Amino acid sequence: MATNIKYPKGDQIKVASASRSSGDPVAVGQITGVALIDTDADGNITLKRNGSADLSVKGIDGSGNSAVAVGDAIYYVEADTPKLSKKATGVLFGYALGTVGSGQTATIEVLLK
């Protein structure tokens, strides 16, 4: 067996990241996931890259207010609060498994991509 394999399943990986807390959505380039731990002293974080998580999502897209429906693509936008919405200018994060009203913010289950 290859001895150079670091993450055989790839469902949890360690990456360098800006300061984040456990449970936060994170994007490092095009790599996305949910922080399993707070950013450590070396600036690293462990991301969960598959499954689903309850996350804060805003009902907006690139044109303004837009309701989120089950199955909608959810994007990560670093400059926004919350960071997840339907703004396709961000990094594809996953897919909505719940609904959010137009212009509203709610915690819904998101299927990680």
N, C-alpha and C. Protein backbone atom coordinates (compact mmCIF):
# COMPACT_ATOMS: atom_id res chain seq x y z
N MET A 1 0.84 -1.18 0.00
CA MET A 1 0.00 0.00 0.00
C MET A 1 0.89 1.24 0.00
N ALA A 2 0.43 2.26 -0.69
CA ALA A 2 1.19 3.52 -0.76
C ALA A 2 1.34 4.12 0.63
N THR A 3 2.52 4.56 0.93
CA THR A 3 2.78 5.16 2.25
C THR A 3 2.67 6.68 2.23
N ASN A 4 2.41 7.26 1.06
CA ASN A 4 2.32 8.71 0.96
C ASN A 4 0.89 9.24 1.01
N ILE A 5 -0.08 8.38 1.25
CA ILE A 5 -1.48 8.80 1.34
C ILE A 5 -1.73 9.41 2.71
N LYS A 6 -2.20 10.68 2.72
CA LYS A 6 -2.43 11.38 3.99
C LYS A 6 -3.87 11.25 4.48
N TYR A 7 -4.83 11.35 3.57
CA TYR A 7 -6.25 11.32 3.93
C TYR A 7 -6.95 10.30 3.02
N PRO A 8 -6.97 9.03 3.41
CA PRO A 8 -7.50 8.00 2.52
C PRO A 8 -8.94 8.23 2.09
N LYS A 9 -9.77 8.78 2.93
CA LYS A 9 -11.18 9.01 2.56
C LYS A 9 -11.43 10.44 2.12
N GLY A 10 -10.62 11.38 2.57
CA GLY A 10 -10.77 12.78 2.19
C GLY A 10 -11.98 13.47 2.79
N ASP A 11 -12.67 12.81 3.72
CA ASP A 11 -13.86 13.44 4.30
C ASP A 11 -13.50 14.44 5.39
N GLN A 12 -12.30 14.35 5.94
CA GLN A 12 -11.78 15.32 6.90
C GLN A 12 -10.35 15.64 6.49
N ILE A 13 -10.08 16.93 6.33
CA ILE A 13 -8.74 17.35 5.93
C ILE A 13 -8.30 18.53 6.77
N LYS A 14 -7.00 18.72 6.87
CA LYS A 14 -6.43 19.86 7.59
C LYS A 14 -5.92 20.84 6.55
N VAL A 15 -6.33 22.12 6.68
CA VAL A 15 -5.91 23.17 5.76
C VAL A 15 -5.58 24.44 6.54
N ALA A 16 -4.78 25.30 5.94
CA ALA A 16 -4.52 26.62 6.52
C ALA A 16 -5.74 27.49 6.29
N SER A 17 -6.14 28.25 7.30
CA SER A 17 -7.35 29.05 7.18
C SER A 17 -7.25 30.28 8.06
N ALA A 18 -8.02 31.29 7.69
CA ALA A 18 -8.20 32.44 8.58
C ALA A 18 -8.90 31.93 9.83
N SER A 19 -8.93 32.72 10.86
CA SER A 19 -9.52 32.30 12.12
C SER A 19 -11.00 31.93 11.96
N ARG A 20 -11.34 30.72 12.35
CA ARG A 20 -12.71 30.21 12.29
C ARG A 20 -12.99 29.43 13.56
N SER A 21 -14.27 29.29 13.86
CA SER A 21 -14.69 28.52 15.03
C SER A 21 -15.32 27.21 14.59
N SER A 22 -15.31 26.24 15.47
CA SER A 22 -15.94 24.95 15.22
C SER A 22 -17.39 25.18 14.80
N GLY A 23 -17.80 24.54 13.71
CA GLY A 23 -19.17 24.66 13.21
C GLY A 23 -19.34 25.70 12.12
N ASP A 24 -18.32 26.52 11.88
CA ASP A 24 -18.40 27.55 10.84
C ASP A 24 -18.25 26.93 9.45
N PRO A 25 -18.97 27.48 8.45
CA PRO A 25 -18.67 27.11 7.07
C PRO A 25 -17.34 27.74 6.69
N VAL A 26 -16.54 27.04 5.88
CA VAL A 26 -15.21 27.51 5.51
C VAL A 26 -14.99 27.22 4.03
N ALA A 27 -14.33 28.17 3.35
CA ALA A 27 -13.86 27.94 1.99
C ALA A 27 -12.41 28.38 1.92
N VAL A 28 -11.56 27.49 1.41
CA VAL A 28 -10.16 27.80 1.17
C VAL A 28 -9.96 27.55 -0.32
N GLY A 29 -9.93 28.64 -1.10
CA GLY A 29 -9.96 28.48 -2.55
C GLY A 29 -11.30 27.84 -2.92
N GLN A 30 -11.25 26.73 -3.63
CA GLN A 30 -12.47 26.00 -4.01
C GLN A 30 -12.78 24.83 -3.06
N ILE A 31 -11.96 24.67 -2.02
CA ILE A 31 -12.18 23.60 -1.03
C ILE A 31 -13.13 24.12 0.03
N THR A 32 -14.23 23.41 0.25
CA THR A 32 -15.22 23.85 1.23
C THR A 32 -15.50 22.76 2.25
N GLY A 33 -16.01 23.19 3.40
CA GLY A 33 -16.39 22.25 4.44
C GLY A 33 -16.81 23.00 5.69
N VAL A 34 -17.05 22.25 6.74
CA VAL A 34 -17.45 22.81 8.03
C VAL A 34 -16.30 22.57 9.01
N ALA A 35 -15.92 23.62 9.73
CA ALA A 35 -14.84 23.53 10.70
C ALA A 35 -15.22 22.56 11.82
N LEU A 36 -14.38 21.56 12.05
CA LEU A 36 -14.60 20.62 13.15
C LEU A 36 -14.00 21.13 14.45
N ILE A 37 -12.99 21.99 14.32
CA ILE A 37 -12.31 22.57 15.48
C ILE A 37 -12.06 24.05 15.20
N ASP A 38 -11.74 24.81 16.23
CA ASP A 38 -11.32 26.19 16.05
C ASP A 38 -9.96 26.19 15.36
N THR A 39 -9.67 27.27 14.64
CA THR A 39 -8.35 27.40 14.03
C THR A 39 -7.29 27.29 15.11
N ASP A 40 -6.24 26.48 14.87
CA ASP A 40 -5.22 26.27 15.89
C ASP A 40 -4.16 27.38 15.84
N ALA A 41 -3.21 27.33 16.74
CA ALA A 41 -2.17 28.35 16.87
C ALA A 41 -1.30 28.45 15.60
N ASP A 42 -1.23 27.38 14.82
CA ASP A 42 -0.44 27.39 13.59
C ASP A 42 -1.24 27.88 12.39
N GLY A 43 -2.52 28.26 12.60
CA GLY A 43 -3.37 28.75 11.51
C GLY A 43 -4.00 27.65 10.69
N ASN A 44 -4.10 26.44 11.27
CA ASN A 44 -4.70 25.30 10.56
C ASN A 44 -6.07 24.98 11.14
N ILE A 45 -6.88 24.36 10.32
CA ILE A 45 -8.22 23.97 10.73
C ILE A 45 -8.54 22.61 10.11
N THR A 46 -9.33 21.81 10.78
CA THR A 46 -9.79 20.54 10.22
C THR A 46 -11.20 20.74 9.70
N LEU A 47 -11.40 20.39 8.42
CA LEU A 47 -12.70 20.54 7.77
C LEU A 47 -13.38 19.20 7.57
N LYS A 48 -14.67 19.17 7.79
CA LYS A 48 -15.52 18.04 7.43
C LYS A 48 -16.03 18.35 6.03
N ARG A 49 -15.77 17.48 5.07
CA ARG A 49 -16.07 17.77 3.67
C ARG A 49 -17.27 17.03 3.09
N ASN A 50 -17.89 16.15 3.86
CA ASN A 50 -19.06 15.46 3.31
C ASN A 50 -20.14 15.35 4.38
N GLY A 51 -21.29 14.87 4.00
CA GLY A 51 -22.41 14.77 4.93
C GLY A 51 -23.26 16.03 4.84
N SER A 52 -23.90 16.38 5.95
CA SER A 52 -24.73 17.58 5.99
C SER A 52 -24.54 18.26 7.34
N ALA A 53 -24.90 19.55 7.39
CA ALA A 53 -24.77 20.31 8.63
C ALA A 53 -25.86 21.37 8.67
N ASP A 54 -26.27 21.74 9.87
CA ASP A 54 -27.20 22.84 10.07
C ASP A 54 -26.38 24.13 10.04
N LEU A 55 -26.69 25.01 9.07
CA LEU A 55 -25.91 26.23 8.87
C LEU A 55 -26.83 27.41 8.59
N SER A 56 -26.36 28.61 8.91
CA SER A 56 -27.11 29.83 8.66
C SER A 56 -27.02 30.20 7.18
N VAL A 57 -28.18 30.38 6.54
CA VAL A 57 -28.25 30.69 5.11
C VAL A 57 -29.19 31.88 4.93
N LYS A 58 -28.81 32.80 4.04
CA LYS A 58 -29.65 33.96 3.75
C LYS A 58 -30.36 33.77 2.41
N GLY A 59 -31.61 34.17 2.35
CA GLY A 59 -32.42 34.06 1.14
C GLY A 59 -32.17 35.20 0.17
N ILE A 60 -30.97 35.21 -0.43
CA ILE A 60 -30.62 36.20 -1.45
C ILE A 60 -29.84 35.52 -2.56
N ASP A 61 -29.85 36.17 -3.73
CA ASP A 61 -28.98 35.74 -4.82
C ASP A 61 -28.29 36.98 -5.37
N GLY A 62 -27.67 36.90 -6.52
CA GLY A 62 -26.94 38.02 -7.08
C GLY A 62 -27.80 39.21 -7.47
N SER A 63 -29.11 39.01 -7.59
CA SER A 63 -30.03 40.08 -7.97
C SER A 63 -30.76 40.70 -6.80
N GLY A 64 -30.65 40.09 -5.62
CA GLY A 64 -31.36 40.60 -4.44
C GLY A 64 -32.04 39.48 -3.69
N ASN A 65 -33.14 39.81 -3.02
CA ASN A 65 -33.84 38.81 -2.21
C ASN A 65 -34.37 37.67 -3.08
N SER A 66 -34.18 36.44 -2.60
CA SER A 66 -34.61 35.26 -3.34
C SER A 66 -34.76 34.10 -2.36
N ALA A 67 -35.94 33.52 -2.30
CA ALA A 67 -36.18 32.40 -1.39
C ALA A 67 -35.29 31.21 -1.74
N VAL A 68 -34.94 30.45 -0.72
CA VAL A 68 -34.15 29.23 -0.88
C VAL A 68 -35.12 28.05 -0.83
N ALA A 69 -35.05 27.17 -1.81
CA ALA A 69 -35.88 25.96 -1.86
C ALA A 69 -34.99 24.74 -1.70
N VAL A 70 -35.58 23.64 -1.28
CA VAL A 70 -34.85 22.39 -1.17
C VAL A 70 -34.22 22.06 -2.52
N GLY A 71 -32.93 21.76 -2.51
CA GLY A 71 -32.21 21.41 -3.73
C GLY A 71 -31.46 22.56 -4.35
N ASP A 72 -31.72 23.80 -3.91
CA ASP A 72 -30.99 24.95 -4.46
C ASP A 72 -29.50 24.85 -4.13
N ALA A 73 -28.69 25.29 -5.08
CA ALA A 73 -27.25 25.39 -4.84
C ALA A 73 -27.00 26.50 -3.83
N ILE A 74 -26.12 26.23 -2.88
CA ILE A 74 -25.74 27.19 -1.85
C ILE A 74 -24.27 27.54 -2.04
N TYR A 75 -23.97 28.84 -2.01
CA TYR A 75 -22.63 29.34 -2.27
C TYR A 75 -22.06 30.02 -1.03
N TYR A 76 -20.74 29.99 -0.91
CA TYR A 76 -20.00 30.63 0.18
C TYR A 76 -19.43 31.94 -0.35
N VAL A 77 -19.76 33.06 0.32
CA VAL A 77 -19.22 34.37 -0.03
C VAL A 77 -18.54 34.92 1.22
N GLU A 78 -17.23 35.02 1.18
CA GLU A 78 -16.43 35.42 2.35
C GLU A 78 -16.88 36.74 2.95
N ALA A 79 -17.21 37.73 2.12
CA ALA A 79 -17.52 39.08 2.61
C ALA A 79 -18.93 39.19 3.21
N ASP A 80 -19.77 38.20 3.03
CA ASP A 80 -21.16 38.28 3.50
C ASP A 80 -21.36 37.72 4.90
N THR A 81 -22.43 38.19 5.55
CA THR A 81 -22.85 37.64 6.83
C THR A 81 -24.35 37.39 6.75
N PRO A 82 -24.81 36.15 6.85
CA PRO A 82 -23.99 34.94 6.93
C PRO A 82 -23.28 34.68 5.60
N LYS A 83 -22.34 33.79 5.61
CA LYS A 83 -21.49 33.54 4.45
C LYS A 83 -22.17 32.69 3.37
N LEU A 84 -23.31 32.06 3.70
CA LEU A 84 -23.98 31.16 2.75
C LEU A 84 -25.27 31.78 2.22
N SER A 85 -25.44 31.66 0.89
CA SER A 85 -26.63 32.17 0.21
C SER A 85 -26.69 31.54 -1.18
N LYS A 86 -27.57 32.09 -2.03
CA LYS A 86 -27.68 31.64 -3.42
C LYS A 86 -26.84 32.48 -4.38
N LYS A 87 -25.94 33.33 -3.86
CA LYS A 87 -25.11 34.18 -4.71
C LYS A 87 -24.08 33.34 -5.45
N ALA A 88 -24.32 33.15 -6.75
CA ALA A 88 -23.46 32.28 -7.56
C ALA A 88 -22.08 32.88 -7.81
N THR A 89 -21.82 34.09 -7.33
CA THR A 89 -20.48 34.68 -7.45
C THR A 89 -19.52 34.05 -6.45
N GLY A 90 -20.06 33.32 -5.47
CA GLY A 90 -19.24 32.67 -4.45
C GLY A 90 -18.77 31.30 -4.89
N VAL A 91 -18.26 30.55 -3.94
CA VAL A 91 -17.77 29.18 -4.16
C VAL A 91 -18.91 28.21 -3.84
N LEU A 92 -19.19 27.27 -4.76
CA LEU A 92 -20.24 26.29 -4.50
C LEU A 92 -19.93 25.55 -3.21
N PHE A 93 -20.86 25.60 -2.26
CA PHE A 93 -20.67 25.00 -0.94
C PHE A 93 -21.45 23.71 -0.78
N GLY A 94 -22.68 23.68 -1.32
CA GLY A 94 -23.51 22.50 -1.17
C GLY A 94 -24.91 22.77 -1.67
N TYR A 95 -25.89 22.04 -1.10
CA TYR A 95 -27.27 22.11 -1.57
C TYR A 95 -28.22 22.19 -0.39
N ALA A 96 -29.21 23.07 -0.52
CA ALA A 96 -30.19 23.28 0.55
C ALA A 96 -31.04 22.03 0.76
N LEU A 97 -31.21 21.67 2.02
CA LEU A 97 -32.13 20.59 2.39
C LEU A 97 -33.29 21.15 3.22
N GLY A 98 -33.41 22.47 3.20
CA GLY A 98 -34.48 23.17 3.90
C GLY A 98 -34.82 24.42 3.12
N THR A 99 -35.73 25.22 3.63
CA THR A 99 -36.16 26.43 2.94
C THR A 99 -35.87 27.67 3.78
N VAL A 100 -35.67 28.79 3.08
CA VAL A 100 -35.47 30.10 3.70
C VAL A 100 -36.31 31.09 2.91
N GLY A 101 -37.06 31.93 3.60
CA GLY A 101 -37.87 32.94 2.93
C GLY A 101 -37.01 33.98 2.23
N SER A 102 -37.58 34.62 1.23
CA SER A 102 -36.91 35.67 0.48
C SER A 102 -36.46 36.78 1.43
N GLY A 103 -35.17 37.09 1.42
CA GLY A 103 -34.61 38.14 2.27
C GLY A 103 -34.42 37.75 3.72
N GLN A 104 -34.83 36.57 4.10
CA GLN A 104 -34.72 36.10 5.48
C GLN A 104 -33.41 35.34 5.69
N THR A 105 -33.06 35.14 6.94
CA THR A 105 -31.92 34.31 7.31
C THR A 105 -32.43 33.23 8.24
N ALA A 106 -32.04 31.99 7.98
CA ALA A 106 -32.49 30.87 8.82
C ALA A 106 -31.40 29.80 8.85
N THR A 107 -31.44 29.00 9.88
CA THR A 107 -30.55 27.85 9.98
C THR A 107 -31.27 26.67 9.34
N ILE A 108 -30.65 26.12 8.31
CA ILE A 108 -31.22 24.96 7.59
C ILE A 108 -30.12 23.91 7.41
N GLU A 109 -30.56 22.72 7.11
CA GLU A 109 -29.62 21.65 6.80
C GLU A 109 -29.08 21.86 5.38
N VAL A 110 -27.76 21.78 5.25
CA VAL A 110 -27.10 21.94 3.95
C VAL A 110 -26.29 20.67 3.68
N LEU A 111 -26.53 20.07 2.52
CA LEU A 111 -25.76 18.92 2.08
C LEU A 111 -24.44 19.42 1.52
N LEU A 112 -23.33 18.99 2.15
CA LEU A 112 -22.02 19.45 1.69
C LEU A 112 -21.67 18.81 0.36
N LYS A 113 -21.06 19.59 -0.52
CA LYS A 113 -20.74 19.05 -1.85
C LYS A 113 -19.49 18.20 -1.80
